[in-house]
Amino acid sequence: NRVIGITAIFFNVLLWGAAPAIIKFGLDSVSPAVFLYYRFLIVTALATPLLYIFRRHFKSVKTPKDLAELLLIGFLTNPLSLGILFFGLRYTTSASAAILAGISPIFIIAASALFLKEKITRFEIAGVVLATAGTLFIIFDTPTQAEAAHPLLGNLIILTYNVVWTLGVLLMKKLALKHNPFVFGYTGW
């Protein structure tokens, strides 16, 4: 259901709204690579018992191609995209990063229409145009981000995160009917 999907994306964006401030604080003490290593180590350790419980969901992985697709999606949506996001946070403000990372639904809606031929409503088009205009303002409003090391560079890196994340989500959408969501999440961890 389209409304449920967009609502889920919106809820995810809200949760991630606070994340850049927390992540930036953590990056003052530890490098992005170490931060991500422990993040994925903890999640994997906590989720491994679930692997046994939900093993039936992995029956959809029948060929090496299935596994390769899942690992590619997992790599794009987890370590690669988060690595890019964390790297960008070193150069921009957490507020800018939160706003820029929060526009990922715009990328997903536009890319889904362009590459997956999904229909976009007029309301969605208006929202994409408005959000894009606001985003462009934030990207180039670097004088107000004086406390950032290189705000324009950081902002562009955060946009790269959105592109990589969107690519992973598009691939996931293509395979969504074939695999259980737990399979996508676990292979990403």
N, C-alpha and C. Protein backbone atom coordinates (compact mmCIF):
# COMPACT_ATOMS: atom_id res chain seq x y z
N ASN A 1 0.85 -1.18 0.00
CA ASN A 1 0.00 0.00 0.00
C ASN A 1 0.89 1.24 0.00
N ARG A 2 0.64 2.12 -0.93
CA ARG A 2 1.45 3.33 -1.13
C ARG A 2 1.45 4.25 0.09
N VAL A 3 0.29 4.46 0.68
CA VAL A 3 0.19 5.36 1.84
C VAL A 3 0.99 4.79 3.02
N ILE A 4 0.89 3.49 3.23
CA ILE A 4 1.65 2.86 4.32
C ILE A 4 3.14 2.99 4.04
N GLY A 5 3.56 2.79 2.79
CA GLY A 5 4.97 2.90 2.44
C GLY A 5 5.51 4.30 2.69
N ILE A 6 4.79 5.30 2.23
CA ILE A 6 5.23 6.69 2.43
C ILE A 6 5.21 7.05 3.91
N THR A 7 4.21 6.56 4.63
CA THR A 7 4.14 6.80 6.07
C THR A 7 5.32 6.16 6.79
N ALA A 8 5.68 4.95 6.38
CA ALA A 8 6.83 4.26 6.99
C ALA A 8 8.11 5.03 6.72
N ILE A 9 8.28 5.52 5.50
CA ILE A 9 9.46 6.32 5.17
C ILE A 9 9.49 7.59 6.01
N PHE A 10 8.34 8.23 6.15
CA PHE A 10 8.25 9.46 6.93
C PHE A 10 8.63 9.19 8.40
N PHE A 11 8.12 8.09 8.97
CA PHE A 11 8.44 7.73 10.35
C PHE A 11 9.94 7.48 10.51
N ASN A 12 10.53 6.81 9.54
CA ASN A 12 11.96 6.55 9.56
C ASN A 12 12.74 7.87 9.53
N VAL A 13 12.28 8.80 8.70
CA VAL A 13 12.94 10.10 8.61
C VAL A 13 12.85 10.84 9.94
N LEU A 14 11.71 10.76 10.61
CA LEU A 14 11.58 11.41 11.92
C LEU A 14 12.58 10.85 12.92
N LEU A 15 12.71 9.53 12.95
CA LEU A 15 13.67 8.91 13.86
C LEU A 15 15.10 9.32 13.53
N TRP A 16 15.39 9.39 12.24
CA TRP A 16 16.72 9.78 11.83
C TRP A 16 16.96 11.28 11.99
N GLY A 17 15.92 12.05 12.26
CA GLY A 17 16.08 13.49 12.45
C GLY A 17 16.98 13.82 13.62
N ALA A 18 16.89 13.04 14.67
CA ALA A 18 17.72 13.27 15.85
C ALA A 18 19.08 12.59 15.75
N ALA A 19 19.19 11.62 14.88
CA ALA A 19 20.42 10.83 14.79
C ALA A 19 21.67 11.63 14.47
N PRO A 20 21.65 12.58 13.51
CA PRO A 20 22.91 13.28 13.21
C PRO A 20 23.54 13.98 14.41
N ALA A 21 22.73 14.58 15.27
CA ALA A 21 23.31 15.24 16.45
C ALA A 21 24.00 14.23 17.36
N ILE A 22 23.38 13.09 17.55
CA ILE A 22 23.96 12.03 18.39
C ILE A 22 25.21 11.46 17.74
N ILE A 23 25.12 11.21 16.44
CA ILE A 23 26.26 10.65 15.71
C ILE A 23 27.43 11.63 15.71
N LYS A 24 27.15 12.90 15.43
CA LYS A 24 28.22 13.92 15.40
C LYS A 24 28.92 14.00 16.76
N PHE A 25 28.15 13.92 17.83
CA PHE A 25 28.73 13.92 19.17
C PHE A 25 29.66 12.71 19.33
N GLY A 26 29.22 11.55 18.87
CA GLY A 26 30.03 10.35 18.96
C GLY A 26 31.28 10.41 18.10
N LEU A 27 31.17 11.08 16.95
CA LEU A 27 32.32 11.18 16.05
C LEU A 27 33.42 12.07 16.60
N ASP A 28 33.11 12.85 17.64
CA ASP A 28 34.15 13.64 18.30
C ASP A 28 35.11 12.74 19.06
N SER A 29 34.64 11.54 19.43
CA SER A 29 35.45 10.63 20.22
C SER A 29 36.03 9.47 19.44
N VAL A 30 35.37 9.10 18.33
CA VAL A 30 35.78 7.89 17.61
C VAL A 30 35.58 8.12 16.11
N SER A 31 36.36 7.43 15.30
CA SER A 31 36.27 7.60 13.85
C SER A 31 34.98 6.97 13.31
N PRO A 32 34.53 7.41 12.12
CA PRO A 32 33.32 6.81 11.54
C PRO A 32 33.43 5.31 11.35
N ALA A 33 34.60 4.83 10.96
CA ALA A 33 34.77 3.38 10.73
C ALA A 33 34.59 2.60 12.03
N VAL A 34 35.18 3.07 13.11
CA VAL A 34 35.05 2.38 14.40
C VAL A 34 33.61 2.47 14.91
N PHE A 35 33.01 3.65 14.78
CA PHE A 35 31.62 3.84 15.19
C PHE A 35 30.71 2.84 14.47
N LEU A 36 30.86 2.74 13.13
CA LEU A 36 30.02 1.82 12.35
C LEU A 36 30.33 0.36 12.67
N TYR A 37 31.61 0.06 12.90
CA TYR A 37 31.97 -1.32 13.24
C TYR A 37 31.21 -1.78 14.48
N TYR A 38 31.26 -0.98 15.52
CA TYR A 38 30.57 -1.36 16.75
C TYR A 38 29.06 -1.33 16.60
N ARG A 39 28.56 -0.40 15.82
CA ARG A 39 27.11 -0.34 15.57
C ARG A 39 26.64 -1.65 14.94
N PHE A 40 27.33 -2.09 13.87
CA PHE A 40 26.92 -3.31 13.19
C PHE A 40 27.22 -4.56 14.00
N LEU A 41 28.29 -4.53 14.78
CA LEU A 41 28.61 -5.67 15.64
C LEU A 41 27.50 -5.89 16.68
N ILE A 42 27.07 -4.81 17.31
CA ILE A 42 26.02 -4.90 18.33
C ILE A 42 24.70 -5.35 17.71
N VAL A 43 24.32 -4.75 16.59
CA VAL A 43 23.06 -5.11 15.94
C VAL A 43 23.09 -6.57 15.50
N THR A 44 24.19 -7.00 14.92
CA THR A 44 24.30 -8.39 14.47
C THR A 44 24.22 -9.35 15.65
N ALA A 45 24.90 -9.02 16.74
CA ALA A 45 24.86 -9.88 17.93
C ALA A 45 23.43 -9.98 18.48
N LEU A 46 22.73 -8.86 18.51
CA LEU A 46 21.36 -8.87 19.02
C LEU A 46 20.39 -9.57 18.06
N ALA A 47 20.66 -9.48 16.75
CA ALA A 47 19.75 -10.05 15.76
C ALA A 47 20.03 -11.51 15.44
N THR A 48 21.21 -12.01 15.77
CA THR A 48 21.55 -13.39 15.42
C THR A 48 20.58 -14.42 16.01
N PRO A 49 20.12 -14.28 17.25
CA PRO A 49 19.11 -15.23 17.72
C PRO A 49 17.83 -15.19 16.86
N LEU A 50 17.51 -14.03 16.34
CA LEU A 50 16.33 -13.91 15.48
C LEU A 50 16.52 -14.65 14.16
N LEU A 51 17.78 -14.79 13.74
CA LEU A 51 18.07 -15.52 12.51
C LEU A 51 17.56 -16.95 12.62
N TYR A 52 17.75 -17.58 13.76
CA TYR A 52 17.25 -18.94 13.96
C TYR A 52 15.72 -18.95 13.98
N ILE A 53 15.14 -18.00 14.68
CA ILE A 53 13.69 -17.94 14.80
C ILE A 53 13.03 -17.68 13.44
N PHE A 54 13.62 -16.80 12.64
CA PHE A 54 13.03 -16.42 11.35
C PHE A 54 13.71 -17.08 10.16
N ARG A 55 14.36 -18.21 10.36
CA ARG A 55 15.12 -18.85 9.28
C ARG A 55 14.25 -19.21 8.09
N ARG A 56 12.97 -19.43 8.32
CA ARG A 56 12.08 -19.77 7.21
C ARG A 56 11.97 -18.64 6.19
N HIS A 57 12.22 -17.39 6.62
CA HIS A 57 12.17 -16.25 5.70
C HIS A 57 13.31 -16.28 4.69
N PHE A 58 14.36 -17.00 5.01
CA PHE A 58 15.51 -17.07 4.12
C PHE A 58 15.35 -18.16 3.05
N LYS A 59 14.23 -18.85 3.04
CA LYS A 59 13.99 -19.86 2.00
C LYS A 59 13.86 -19.24 0.62
N SER A 60 13.61 -17.95 0.56
CA SER A 60 13.52 -17.27 -0.74
C SER A 60 14.89 -17.08 -1.38
N VAL A 61 15.94 -17.27 -0.59
CA VAL A 61 17.31 -17.14 -1.11
C VAL A 61 17.71 -18.52 -1.62
N LYS A 62 17.52 -18.72 -2.93
CA LYS A 62 17.71 -20.06 -3.51
C LYS A 62 18.95 -20.18 -4.38
N THR A 63 19.44 -19.07 -4.89
CA THR A 63 20.56 -19.13 -5.82
C THR A 63 21.65 -18.16 -5.37
N PRO A 64 22.86 -18.36 -5.89
CA PRO A 64 23.92 -17.38 -5.60
C PRO A 64 23.53 -15.97 -6.07
N LYS A 65 22.75 -15.86 -7.15
CA LYS A 65 22.31 -14.56 -7.63
C LYS A 65 21.42 -13.89 -6.58
N ASP A 66 20.50 -14.66 -5.96
CA ASP A 66 19.65 -14.11 -4.89
C ASP A 66 20.51 -13.55 -3.76
N LEU A 67 21.49 -14.33 -3.34
CA LEU A 67 22.36 -13.90 -2.26
C LEU A 67 23.15 -12.66 -2.65
N ALA A 68 23.67 -12.64 -3.88
CA ALA A 68 24.45 -11.49 -4.35
C ALA A 68 23.59 -10.23 -4.38
N GLU A 69 22.34 -10.34 -4.83
CA GLU A 69 21.44 -9.19 -4.86
C GLU A 69 21.18 -8.66 -3.45
N LEU A 70 20.93 -9.56 -2.53
CA LEU A 70 20.67 -9.16 -1.14
C LEU A 70 21.89 -8.52 -0.51
N LEU A 71 23.07 -9.08 -0.76
CA LEU A 71 24.28 -8.51 -0.19
C LEU A 71 24.57 -7.13 -0.80
N LEU A 72 24.29 -6.95 -2.09
CA LEU A 72 24.47 -5.64 -2.71
C LEU A 72 23.53 -4.62 -2.08
N ILE A 73 22.26 -4.99 -1.94
CA ILE A 73 21.29 -4.09 -1.32
C ILE A 73 21.71 -3.76 0.11
N GLY A 74 22.10 -4.78 0.85
CA GLY A 74 22.55 -4.57 2.23
C GLY A 74 23.76 -3.66 2.31
N PHE A 75 24.70 -3.85 1.39
CA PHE A 75 25.90 -3.00 1.37
C PHE A 75 25.54 -1.55 1.07
N LEU A 76 24.66 -1.34 0.08
CA LEU A 76 24.27 0.02 -0.30
C LEU A 76 23.49 0.73 0.81
N THR A 77 22.56 0.02 1.45
CA THR A 77 21.68 0.66 2.42
C THR A 77 22.24 0.71 3.83
N ASN A 78 23.33 0.03 4.07
CA ASN A 78 23.88 0.04 5.42
C ASN A 78 25.31 0.55 5.47
N PRO A 79 26.34 -0.29 5.33
CA PRO A 79 27.69 0.24 5.56
C PRO A 79 28.11 1.35 4.60
N LEU A 80 27.80 1.22 3.30
CA LEU A 80 28.25 2.26 2.37
C LEU A 80 27.51 3.58 2.61
N SER A 81 26.18 3.52 2.64
CA SER A 81 25.44 4.78 2.81
C SER A 81 25.73 5.42 4.17
N LEU A 82 25.77 4.62 5.21
CA LEU A 82 26.05 5.20 6.54
C LEU A 82 27.48 5.71 6.65
N GLY A 83 28.41 5.03 5.99
CA GLY A 83 29.79 5.52 5.97
C GLY A 83 29.87 6.89 5.32
N ILE A 84 29.14 7.06 4.21
CA ILE A 84 29.10 8.35 3.52
C ILE A 84 28.45 9.40 4.43
N LEU A 85 27.35 9.05 5.06
CA LEU A 85 26.66 9.98 5.96
C LEU A 85 27.58 10.42 7.10
N PHE A 86 28.25 9.47 7.73
CA PHE A 86 29.12 9.80 8.86
C PHE A 86 30.29 10.66 8.40
N PHE A 87 30.83 10.36 7.22
CA PHE A 87 31.93 11.17 6.67
C PHE A 87 31.46 12.60 6.42
N GLY A 88 30.26 12.75 5.86
CA GLY A 88 29.70 14.08 5.61
C GLY A 88 29.46 14.86 6.89
N LEU A 89 29.08 14.16 7.94
CA LEU A 89 28.83 14.82 9.23
C LEU A 89 30.08 15.48 9.80
N ARG A 90 31.23 15.00 9.41
CA ARG A 90 32.47 15.61 9.90
C ARG A 90 32.65 17.02 9.35
N TYR A 91 31.99 17.34 8.25
CA TYR A 91 32.21 18.62 7.57
C TYR A 91 31.05 19.60 7.66
N THR A 92 29.87 19.13 8.03
CA THR A 92 28.72 20.02 8.07
C THR A 92 28.10 20.01 9.47
N THR A 93 27.07 20.79 9.65
CA THR A 93 26.42 20.82 10.96
C THR A 93 25.44 19.65 11.07
N SER A 94 25.15 19.26 12.28
CA SER A 94 24.19 18.16 12.47
C SER A 94 22.80 18.58 12.02
N ALA A 95 22.46 19.86 12.17
CA ALA A 95 21.14 20.34 11.72
C ALA A 95 21.01 20.23 10.21
N SER A 96 22.03 20.68 9.48
CA SER A 96 21.99 20.56 8.02
C SER A 96 21.95 19.10 7.60
N ALA A 97 22.75 18.27 8.26
CA ALA A 97 22.78 16.85 7.92
C ALA A 97 21.41 16.20 8.16
N ALA A 98 20.76 16.56 9.26
CA ALA A 98 19.44 15.99 9.56
C ALA A 98 18.43 16.37 8.49
N ILE A 99 18.45 17.63 8.08
CA ILE A 99 17.51 18.09 7.07
C ILE A 99 17.81 17.45 5.72
N LEU A 100 19.08 17.44 5.34
CA LEU A 100 19.44 16.88 4.04
C LEU A 100 19.23 15.37 3.99
N ALA A 101 19.56 14.67 5.06
CA ALA A 101 19.32 13.22 5.08
C ALA A 101 17.82 12.93 5.12
N GLY A 102 17.07 13.87 5.67
CA GLY A 102 15.62 13.71 5.77
C GLY A 102 14.88 13.84 4.46
N ILE A 103 15.57 14.26 3.42
CA ILE A 103 14.88 14.38 2.13
C ILE A 103 14.96 13.10 1.30
N SER A 104 15.46 12.04 1.89
CA SER A 104 15.56 10.79 1.14
C SER A 104 14.22 10.34 0.55
N PRO A 105 13.08 10.59 1.20
CA PRO A 105 11.82 10.21 0.55
C PRO A 105 11.61 10.92 -0.79
N ILE A 106 12.12 12.14 -0.91
CA ILE A 106 12.01 12.85 -2.19
C ILE A 106 12.79 12.09 -3.26
N PHE A 107 13.99 11.69 -2.93
CA PHE A 107 14.81 10.93 -3.87
C PHE A 107 14.11 9.62 -4.24
N ILE A 108 13.55 8.96 -3.24
CA ILE A 108 12.91 7.66 -3.49
C ILE A 108 11.66 7.83 -4.36
N ILE A 109 10.84 8.82 -4.07
CA ILE A 109 9.63 9.05 -4.86
C ILE A 109 10.01 9.38 -6.30
N ALA A 110 10.95 10.30 -6.48
CA ALA A 110 11.34 10.71 -7.83
C ALA A 110 12.00 9.56 -8.60
N ALA A 111 12.89 8.85 -7.95
CA ALA A 111 13.58 7.73 -8.62
C ALA A 111 12.61 6.58 -8.91
N SER A 112 11.65 6.34 -8.03
CA SER A 112 10.65 5.29 -8.27
C SER A 112 9.82 5.63 -9.50
N ALA A 113 9.48 6.89 -9.67
CA ALA A 113 8.72 7.30 -10.85
C ALA A 113 9.57 7.17 -12.10
N LEU A 114 10.82 7.59 -12.01
CA LEU A 114 11.70 7.61 -13.16
C LEU A 114 12.14 6.20 -13.58
N PHE A 115 12.57 5.40 -12.63
CA PHE A 115 13.15 4.10 -12.97
C PHE A 115 12.19 2.92 -12.85
N LEU A 116 11.24 3.00 -11.92
CA LEU A 116 10.30 1.90 -11.72
C LEU A 116 8.94 2.19 -12.34
N LYS A 117 8.82 3.37 -12.94
CA LYS A 117 7.59 3.80 -13.63
C LYS A 117 6.38 3.84 -12.71
N GLU A 118 6.60 4.19 -11.44
CA GLU A 118 5.49 4.36 -10.51
C GLU A 118 4.83 5.71 -10.77
N LYS A 119 3.55 5.78 -10.54
CA LYS A 119 2.80 7.02 -10.73
C LYS A 119 3.00 7.93 -9.52
N ILE A 120 3.16 9.22 -9.80
CA ILE A 120 3.28 10.22 -8.73
C ILE A 120 2.06 11.13 -8.82
N THR A 121 1.42 11.36 -7.68
CA THR A 121 0.24 12.23 -7.65
C THR A 121 0.68 13.69 -7.72
N ARG A 122 -0.24 14.57 -8.03
CA ARG A 122 0.06 16.01 -8.07
C ARG A 122 0.49 16.51 -6.69
N PHE A 123 -0.13 15.97 -5.65
CA PHE A 123 0.23 16.35 -4.29
C PHE A 123 1.69 15.97 -4.00
N GLU A 124 2.10 14.78 -4.44
CA GLU A 124 3.48 14.34 -4.24
C GLU A 124 4.45 15.20 -5.04
N ILE A 125 4.08 15.56 -6.27
CA ILE A 125 4.93 16.41 -7.10
C ILE A 125 5.11 17.77 -6.43
N ALA A 126 4.03 18.34 -5.92
CA ALA A 126 4.12 19.63 -5.23
C ALA A 126 5.03 19.52 -4.01
N GLY A 127 4.90 18.45 -3.26
CA GLY A 127 5.76 18.25 -2.09
C GLY A 127 7.22 18.10 -2.47
N VAL A 128 7.50 17.38 -3.55
CA VAL A 128 8.87 17.20 -4.01
C VAL A 128 9.47 18.53 -4.45
N VAL A 129 8.72 19.33 -5.18
CA VAL A 129 9.21 20.63 -5.64
C VAL A 129 9.49 21.55 -4.46
N LEU A 130 8.57 21.63 -3.52
CA LEU A 130 8.74 22.48 -2.35
C LEU A 130 9.94 22.03 -1.51
N ALA A 131 10.03 20.74 -1.26
CA ALA A 131 11.14 20.23 -0.45
C ALA A 131 12.48 20.41 -1.16
N THR A 132 12.49 20.25 -2.48
CA THR A 132 13.73 20.44 -3.23
C THR A 132 14.20 21.89 -3.15
N ALA A 133 13.27 22.83 -3.26
CA ALA A 133 13.63 24.25 -3.15
C ALA A 133 14.22 24.54 -1.77
N GLY A 134 13.60 24.04 -0.74
CA GLY A 134 14.12 24.24 0.62
C GLY A 134 15.47 23.60 0.81
N THR A 135 15.65 22.43 0.22
CA THR A 135 16.92 21.72 0.33
C THR A 135 18.03 22.49 -0.36
N LEU A 136 17.76 23.01 -1.54
CA LEU A 136 18.78 23.80 -2.24
C LEU A 136 19.19 25.02 -1.42
N PHE A 137 18.23 25.62 -0.75
CA PHE A 137 18.54 26.76 0.11
C PHE A 137 19.50 26.33 1.22
N ILE A 138 19.23 25.18 1.83
CA ILE A 138 20.08 24.70 2.94
C ILE A 138 21.47 24.35 2.44
N ILE A 139 21.55 23.70 1.27
CA ILE A 139 22.85 23.29 0.74
C ILE A 139 23.77 24.50 0.56
N PHE A 140 23.22 25.56 -0.01
CA PHE A 140 24.05 26.71 -0.34
C PHE A 140 24.06 27.81 0.73
N ASP A 141 23.34 27.61 1.82
CA ASP A 141 23.31 28.59 2.90
C ASP A 141 24.45 28.33 3.88
N THR A 142 25.64 28.22 3.33
CA THR A 142 26.79 27.88 4.17
C THR A 142 27.28 28.99 5.08
N PRO A 143 27.04 30.29 4.79
CA PRO A 143 27.52 31.30 5.75
C PRO A 143 26.91 31.14 7.14
N THR A 144 25.68 30.65 7.24
CA THR A 144 25.07 30.47 8.56
C THR A 144 25.56 29.18 9.24
N GLN A 145 26.37 28.42 8.53
CA GLN A 145 26.91 27.18 9.08
C GLN A 145 28.40 27.36 9.41
N ALA A 146 28.73 28.51 9.96
CA ALA A 146 30.13 28.89 10.19
C ALA A 146 30.85 27.92 11.13
N GLU A 147 30.12 27.24 12.01
CA GLU A 147 30.79 26.33 12.94
C GLU A 147 31.18 25.01 12.28
N ALA A 148 30.77 24.80 11.04
CA ALA A 148 31.13 23.58 10.31
C ALA A 148 32.49 23.77 9.64
N ALA A 149 33.23 22.66 9.49
CA ALA A 149 34.56 22.72 8.88
C ALA A 149 34.48 23.13 7.41
N HIS A 150 33.68 22.44 6.63
CA HIS A 150 33.48 22.71 5.20
C HIS A 150 32.03 22.41 4.87
N PRO A 151 31.11 23.33 5.18
CA PRO A 151 29.69 23.02 5.07
C PRO A 151 29.20 22.63 3.67
N LEU A 152 29.69 23.29 2.64
CA LEU A 152 29.23 22.93 1.29
C LEU A 152 29.67 21.51 0.95
N LEU A 153 30.92 21.18 1.22
CA LEU A 153 31.43 19.83 0.98
C LEU A 153 30.62 18.81 1.78
N GLY A 154 30.42 19.09 3.06
CA GLY A 154 29.64 18.18 3.90
C GLY A 154 28.23 17.99 3.39
N ASN A 155 27.60 19.09 2.98
CA ASN A 155 26.23 19.02 2.45
C ASN A 155 26.17 18.18 1.18
N LEU A 156 27.16 18.33 0.30
CA LEU A 156 27.19 17.54 -0.93
C LEU A 156 27.45 16.06 -0.64
N ILE A 157 28.26 15.79 0.37
CA ILE A 157 28.49 14.40 0.76
C ILE A 157 27.20 13.79 1.31
N ILE A 158 26.45 14.55 2.09
CA ILE A 158 25.17 14.06 2.62
C ILE A 158 24.21 13.78 1.46
N LEU A 159 24.23 14.61 0.43
CA LEU A 159 23.39 14.33 -0.75
C LEU A 159 23.82 13.04 -1.43
N THR A 160 25.12 12.77 -1.45
CA THR A 160 25.61 11.50 -2.01
C THR A 160 25.06 10.32 -1.21
N TYR A 161 24.99 10.49 0.10
CA TYR A 161 24.36 9.46 0.95
C TYR A 161 22.94 9.17 0.45
N ASN A 162 22.18 10.24 0.18
CA ASN A 162 20.80 10.07 -0.29
C ASN A 162 20.74 9.29 -1.60
N VAL A 163 21.67 9.56 -2.50
CA VAL A 163 21.69 8.86 -3.79
C VAL A 163 21.99 7.38 -3.59
N VAL A 164 22.98 7.06 -2.77
CA VAL A 164 23.35 5.67 -2.52
C VAL A 164 22.20 4.94 -1.81
N TRP A 165 21.62 5.58 -0.81
CA TRP A 165 20.49 4.99 -0.08
C TRP A 165 19.33 4.72 -1.04
N THR A 166 19.03 5.69 -1.89
CA THR A 166 17.92 5.55 -2.84
C THR A 166 18.17 4.39 -3.80
N LEU A 167 19.38 4.25 -4.27
CA LEU A 167 19.71 3.13 -5.16
C LEU A 167 19.43 1.81 -4.46
N GLY A 168 19.86 1.69 -3.22
CA GLY A 168 19.59 0.46 -2.45
C GLY A 168 18.10 0.22 -2.26
N VAL A 169 17.35 1.27 -1.98
CA VAL A 169 15.91 1.13 -1.77
C VAL A 169 15.20 0.73 -3.07
N LEU A 170 15.63 1.31 -4.20
CA LEU A 170 15.03 0.93 -5.48
C LEU A 170 15.26 -0.55 -5.79
N LEU A 171 16.47 -1.02 -5.55
CA LEU A 171 16.74 -2.44 -5.75
C LEU A 171 15.89 -3.29 -4.80
N MET A 172 15.74 -2.81 -3.57
CA MET A 172 14.91 -3.51 -2.59
C MET A 172 13.46 -3.57 -3.04
N LYS A 173 12.96 -2.46 -3.58
CA LYS A 173 11.57 -2.42 -4.04
C LYS A 173 11.34 -3.42 -5.17
N LYS A 174 12.35 -3.58 -6.03
CA LYS A 174 12.21 -4.54 -7.13
C LYS A 174 12.10 -5.97 -6.62
N LEU A 175 12.71 -6.25 -5.49
CA LEU A 175 12.71 -7.61 -4.94
C LEU A 175 11.78 -7.78 -3.75
N ALA A 176 10.99 -6.76 -3.44
CA ALA A 176 10.17 -6.76 -2.22
C ALA A 176 9.16 -7.90 -2.17
N LEU A 177 8.63 -8.29 -3.30
CA LEU A 177 7.65 -9.38 -3.30
C LEU A 177 8.31 -10.75 -3.14
N LYS A 178 9.59 -10.82 -3.42
CA LYS A 178 10.30 -12.09 -3.37
C LYS A 178 10.83 -12.42 -1.97
N HIS A 179 11.24 -11.39 -1.22
CA HIS A 179 11.90 -11.61 0.07
C HIS A 179 11.16 -10.91 1.20
N ASN A 180 11.25 -11.49 2.37
CA ASN A 180 10.71 -10.90 3.59
C ASN A 180 11.58 -9.71 4.00
N PRO A 181 11.00 -8.65 4.56
CA PRO A 181 11.81 -7.49 4.99
C PRO A 181 12.94 -7.85 5.95
N PHE A 182 12.75 -8.86 6.79
CA PHE A 182 13.82 -9.27 7.71
C PHE A 182 15.07 -9.69 6.96
N VAL A 183 14.90 -10.32 5.81
CA VAL A 183 16.03 -10.76 5.00
C VAL A 183 16.85 -9.56 4.53
N PHE A 184 16.17 -8.51 4.09
CA PHE A 184 16.88 -7.30 3.65
C PHE A 184 17.64 -6.69 4.82
N GLY A 185 16.97 -6.57 5.95
CA GLY A 185 17.61 -5.96 7.13
C GLY A 185 18.81 -6.76 7.59
N TYR A 186 18.66 -8.06 7.71
CA TYR A 186 19.75 -8.88 8.25
C TYR A 186 20.96 -8.88 7.34
N THR A 187 20.75 -9.00 6.02
CA THR A 187 21.91 -9.00 5.12
C THR A 187 22.61 -7.66 5.13
N GLY A 188 21.91 -6.59 5.44
CA GLY A 188 22.55 -5.28 5.56
C GLY A 188 23.41 -5.18 6.80
N TRP A 189 23.00 -5.83 7.87
CA TRP A 189 23.78 -5.78 9.10
C TRP A 189 25.04 -6.58 8.95
